[in-house]
Amino acid sequence: MSFNEPPGSTVELVVGGERLSLGVAARLSRYLQVLTQAKKMGKETISSQELADYTHVNSTQIRRDLSGFGKFGKRGVGYNVDSLVSQIRKILRTSGQHNIAAGLADPQDPAHERPAQHRPVRRRPPR
């Protein structure tokens, strides 16, 4: 399974009423798996490079993924494992295990229209 989205991908995942790109949701789920294991091992902080080593996702991509949802880490220190587990669970709307129930959104389907109360996913322009 690849955690990278194809360029121009429009596939979205509906998680708890919010829309995430399939790639971001998959990567967040993988980060959660690694963080949960780190927590079990008693690790208090983890760097984006350590997450990259375990997930095989570039550390810059990890920082981009996480920064799209708020400020979680501290430069030179890393991320607090407990806090990041909690925040990713909120994003993915999970409380225990890292399983997510989701439905794929088809951009061609009229039911795909986003209700007004949902904010759009923030996207960065390609570099």
C-alpha atoms as a PDB file:
ATOM      1  CA  MET A   1       0.000   0.000   0.000  1.00  0.00           C
ATOM      2  CA  SER A   2       1.360   3.405  -0.878  1.00  0.00           C
ATOM      3  CA  PHE A   3       0.936   6.372   1.439  1.00  0.00           C
ATOM      4  CA  ASN A   4       1.608   8.899  -1.294  1.00  0.00           C
ATOM      5  CA  GLU A   5      -1.203  10.456  -3.285  1.00  0.00           C
ATOM      6  CA  PRO A   6      -0.927  10.631  -7.047  1.00  0.00           C
ATOM      7  CA  PRO A   7      -0.534  14.238  -8.255  1.00  0.00           C
ATOM      8  CA  GLY A   8      -3.906  15.878  -8.801  1.00  0.00           C
ATOM      9  CA  SER A   9      -5.690  13.151  -6.847  1.00  0.00           C
ATOM     10  CA  THR A  10      -9.324  13.943  -6.056  1.00  0.00           C
ATOM     11  CA  VAL A  11     -10.080  10.840  -4.007  1.00  0.00           C
ATOM     12  CA  GLU A  12     -11.266  11.886  -0.564  1.00  0.00           C
ATOM     13  CA  LEU A  13     -12.113   9.981   2.572  1.00  0.00           C
ATOM     14  CA  VAL A  14     -15.060  11.028   4.718  1.00  0.00           C
ATOM     15  CA  VAL A  15     -14.066  10.598   8.363  1.00  0.00           C
ATOM     16  CA  GLY A  16     -16.398  11.794  11.086  1.00  0.00           C
ATOM     17  CA  GLY A  17     -18.061  14.225   8.680  1.00  0.00           C
ATOM     18  CA  GLU A  18     -14.771  15.825   7.606  1.00  0.00           C
ATOM     19  CA  ARG A  19     -13.078  15.225   4.278  1.00  0.00           C
ATOM     20  CA  LEU A  20      -9.446  14.129   4.124  1.00  0.00           C
ATOM     21  CA  SER A  21      -7.505  13.095   1.073  1.00  0.00           C
ATOM     22  CA  LEU A  22      -7.009   9.350   0.956  1.00  0.00           C
ATOM     23  CA  GLY A  23      -3.216   9.766   1.171  1.00  0.00           C
ATOM     24  CA  VAL A  24      -3.328  11.997   4.269  1.00  0.00           C
ATOM     25  CA  ALA A  25      -5.789   9.683   6.039  1.00  0.00           C
ATOM     26  CA  ALA A  26      -3.626   6.640   5.272  1.00  0.00           C
ATOM     27  CA  ARG A  27      -0.467   8.377   6.480  1.00  0.00           C
ATOM     28  CA  LEU A  28      -2.146   9.641   9.679  1.00  0.00           C
ATOM     29  CA  SER A  29      -3.323   6.116  10.389  1.00  0.00           C
ATOM     30  CA  ARG A  30       0.230   4.828   9.942  1.00  0.00           C
ATOM     31  CA  TYR A  31       1.641   7.573  12.194  1.00  0.00           C
ATOM     32  CA  LEU A  32      -0.915   6.556  14.814  1.00  0.00           C
ATOM     33  CA  GLN A  33       0.192   2.921  14.626  1.00  0.00           C
ATOM     34  CA  VAL A  34       3.834   3.897  15.188  1.00  0.00           C
ATOM     35  CA  LEU A  35       2.981   6.396  17.947  1.00  0.00           C
ATOM     36  CA  THR A  36       0.825   3.839  19.752  1.00  0.00           C
ATOM     37  CA  GLN A  37       3.739   1.401  19.727  1.00  0.00           C
ATOM     38  CA  ALA A  38       6.145   4.138  20.894  1.00  0.00           C
ATOM     39  CA  LYS A  39       3.761   4.956  23.741  1.00  0.00           C
ATOM     40  CA  LYS A  40       3.659   1.280  24.801  1.00  0.00           C
ATOM     41  CA  MET A  41       7.464   1.320  24.879  1.00  0.00           C
ATOM     42  CA  GLY A  42       7.410   4.324  27.244  1.00  0.00           C
ATOM     43  CA  LYS A  43       8.664   6.867  24.715  1.00  0.00           C
ATOM     44  CA  GLU A  44       7.642  10.432  25.652  1.00  0.00           C
ATOM     45  CA  THR A  45       8.783  12.338  22.552  1.00  0.00           C
ATOM     46  CA  ILE A  46       9.411  11.424  18.936  1.00  0.00           C
ATOM     47  CA  SER A  47      10.930  13.407  16.078  1.00  0.00           C
ATOM     48  CA  SER A  48       9.594  13.604  12.539  1.00  0.00           C
ATOM     49  CA  GLN A  49      12.777  11.796  11.443  1.00  0.00           C
ATOM     50  CA  GLU A  50      12.075   8.908  13.828  1.00  0.00           C
ATOM     51  CA  LEU A  51       8.502   8.714  12.496  1.00  0.00           C
ATOM     52  CA  ALA A  52       9.938   8.753   8.968  1.00  0.00           C
ATOM     53  CA  ASP A  53      12.283   5.868   9.779  1.00  0.00           C
ATOM     54  CA  TYR A  54       9.380   3.698  10.970  1.00  0.00           C
ATOM     55  CA  THR A  55       6.746   4.727   8.409  1.00  0.00           C
ATOM     56  CA  HIS A  56       8.962   5.166   5.332  1.00  0.00           C
ATOM     57  CA  VAL A  57       7.321   8.560   4.745  1.00  0.00           C
ATOM     58  CA  ASN A  58       9.628  11.531   4.218  1.00  0.00           C
ATOM     59  CA  SER A  59      10.039  13.606   7.414  1.00  0.00           C
ATOM     60  CA  THR A  60       9.107  16.776   5.507  1.00  0.00           C
ATOM     61  CA  GLN A  61       5.847  15.122   4.415  1.00  0.00           C
ATOM     62  CA  ILE A  62       5.131  14.144   8.019  1.00  0.00           C
ATOM     63  CA  ARG A  63       5.620  17.747   9.180  1.00  0.00           C
ATOM     64  CA  ARG A  64       3.381  19.001   6.347  1.00  0.00           C
ATOM     65  CA  ASP A  65       0.659  16.473   7.163  1.00  0.00           C
ATOM     66  CA  LEU A  66       0.646  17.392  10.839  1.00  0.00           C
ATOM     67  CA  SER A  67       0.961  21.154  10.371  1.00  0.00           C
ATOM     68  CA  GLY A  68      -2.231  21.125   8.304  1.00  0.00           C
ATOM     69  CA  PHE A  69      -4.143  20.367  11.522  1.00  0.00           C
ATOM     70  CA  GLY A  70      -2.353  22.662  13.976  1.00  0.00           C
ATOM     71  CA  LYS A  71       0.940  23.059  15.776  1.00  0.00           C
ATOM     72  CA  PHE A  72       1.899  19.836  17.532  1.00  0.00           C
ATOM     73  CA  GLY A  73       5.690  19.651  17.737  1.00  0.00           C
ATOM     74  CA  LYS A  74       8.560  21.749  18.980  1.00  0.00           C
ATOM     75  CA  ARG A  75      11.614  22.342  16.808  1.00  0.00           C
ATOM     76  CA  GLY A  76      14.644  20.490  18.125  1.00  0.00           C
ATOM     77  CA  VAL A  77      12.533  18.528  20.620  1.00  0.00           C
ATOM     78  CA  GLY A  78       9.963  16.670  18.524  1.00  0.00           C
ATOM     79  CA  TYR A  79       6.383  15.705  19.225  1.00  0.00           C
ATOM     80  CA  ASN A  80       4.918  14.690  22.573  1.00  0.00           C
ATOM     81  CA  VAL A  81       3.772  11.121  21.917  1.00  0.00           C
ATOM     82  CA  ASP A  82       0.690  11.188  24.186  1.00  0.00           C
ATOM     83  CA  SER A  83      -0.479  14.515  22.803  1.00  0.00           C
ATOM     84  CA  LEU A  84       0.057  13.532  19.183  1.00  0.00           C
ATOM     85  CA  VAL A  85      -1.780  10.207  19.655  1.00  0.00           C
ATOM     86  CA  SER A  86      -4.710  12.132  21.106  1.00  0.00           C
ATOM     87  CA  GLN A  87      -4.716  14.736  18.319  1.00  0.00           C
ATOM     88  CA  ILE A  88      -4.494  12.196  15.476  1.00  0.00           C
ATOM     89  CA  ARG A  89      -7.307  10.180  17.059  1.00  0.00           C
ATOM     90  CA  LYS A  90      -9.428  13.335  17.092  1.00  0.00           C
ATOM     91  CA  ILE A  91      -8.613  14.009  13.448  1.00  0.00           C
ATOM     92  CA  LEU A  92      -9.469  10.428  12.458  1.00  0.00           C
ATOM     93  CA  ARG A  93     -12.361  10.287  14.957  1.00  0.00           C
ATOM     94  CA  THR A  94     -11.124   7.155  16.706  1.00  0.00           C
ATOM     95  CA  SER A  95     -10.995   6.632  20.448  1.00  0.00           C
ATOM     96  CA  GLY A  96      -9.267   3.273  20.847  1.00  0.00           C
ATOM     97  CA  GLN A  97      -7.729   1.228  18.102  1.00  0.00           C
ATOM     98  CA  HIS A  98      -6.464   2.904  14.944  1.00  0.00           C
ATOM     99  CA  ASN A  99      -9.225   1.542  12.718  1.00  0.00           C
ATOM    100  CA  ILE A 100     -11.280   4.092  10.819  1.00  0.00           C
ATOM    101  CA  ALA A 101     -14.693   3.693   9.272  1.00  0.00           C
ATOM    102  CA  ALA A 102     -14.835   5.708   6.101  1.00  0.00           C
ATOM    103  CA  GLY A 103     -16.609   6.129   2.812  1.00  0.00           C
ATOM    104  CA  LEU A 104     -15.080   7.223  -0.461  1.00  0.00           C
ATOM    105  CA  ALA A 105     -16.435  10.413  -1.952  1.00  0.00           C
ATOM    106  CA  ASP A 106     -17.024  10.397  -5.701  1.00  0.00           C
ATOM    107  CA  PRO A 107     -16.582  13.918  -7.131  1.00  0.00           C
ATOM    108  CA  GLN A 108     -19.041  13.057  -9.944  1.00  0.00           C
ATOM    109  CA  ASP A 109     -21.813  12.065  -7.514  1.00  0.00           C
ATOM    110  CA  PRO A 110     -24.289  14.901  -6.713  1.00  0.00           C
ATOM    111  CA  ALA A 111     -24.398  13.667  -3.111  1.00  0.00           C
ATOM    112  CA  HIS A 112     -20.714  14.609  -2.939  1.00  0.00           C
ATOM    113  CA  GLU A 113     -21.620  18.271  -2.365  1.00  0.00           C
ATOM    114  CA  ARG A 114     -20.122  19.400   0.926  1.00  0.00           C
ATOM    115  CA  PRO A 115     -22.571  20.727   3.558  1.00  0.00           C
ATOM    116  CA  ALA A 116     -21.994  24.390   4.438  1.00  0.00           C
ATOM    117  CA  GLN A 117     -20.950  23.692   8.047  1.00  0.00           C
ATOM    118  CA  HIS A 118     -17.855  21.727   6.967  1.00  0.00           C
ATOM    119  CA  ARG A 119     -14.681  23.628   6.283  1.00  0.00           C
ATOM    120  CA  PRO A 120     -12.614  22.650   3.229  1.00  0.00           C
ATOM    121  CA  VAL A 121      -9.376  20.718   3.605  1.00  0.00           C
ATOM    122  CA  ARG A 122      -6.450  23.127   3.479  1.00  0.00           C
ATOM    123  CA  ARG A 123      -4.215  22.296   0.531  1.00  0.00           C
ATOM    124  CA  ARG A 124      -0.794  23.660  -0.202  1.00  0.00           C
ATOM    125  CA  PRO A 125       0.224  24.493  -3.750  1.00  0.00           C
ATOM    126  CA  PRO A 126       2.722  22.083  -5.359  1.00  0.00           C
ATOM    127  CA  ARG A 127       6.345  23.141  -5.207  1.00  0.00           C
END
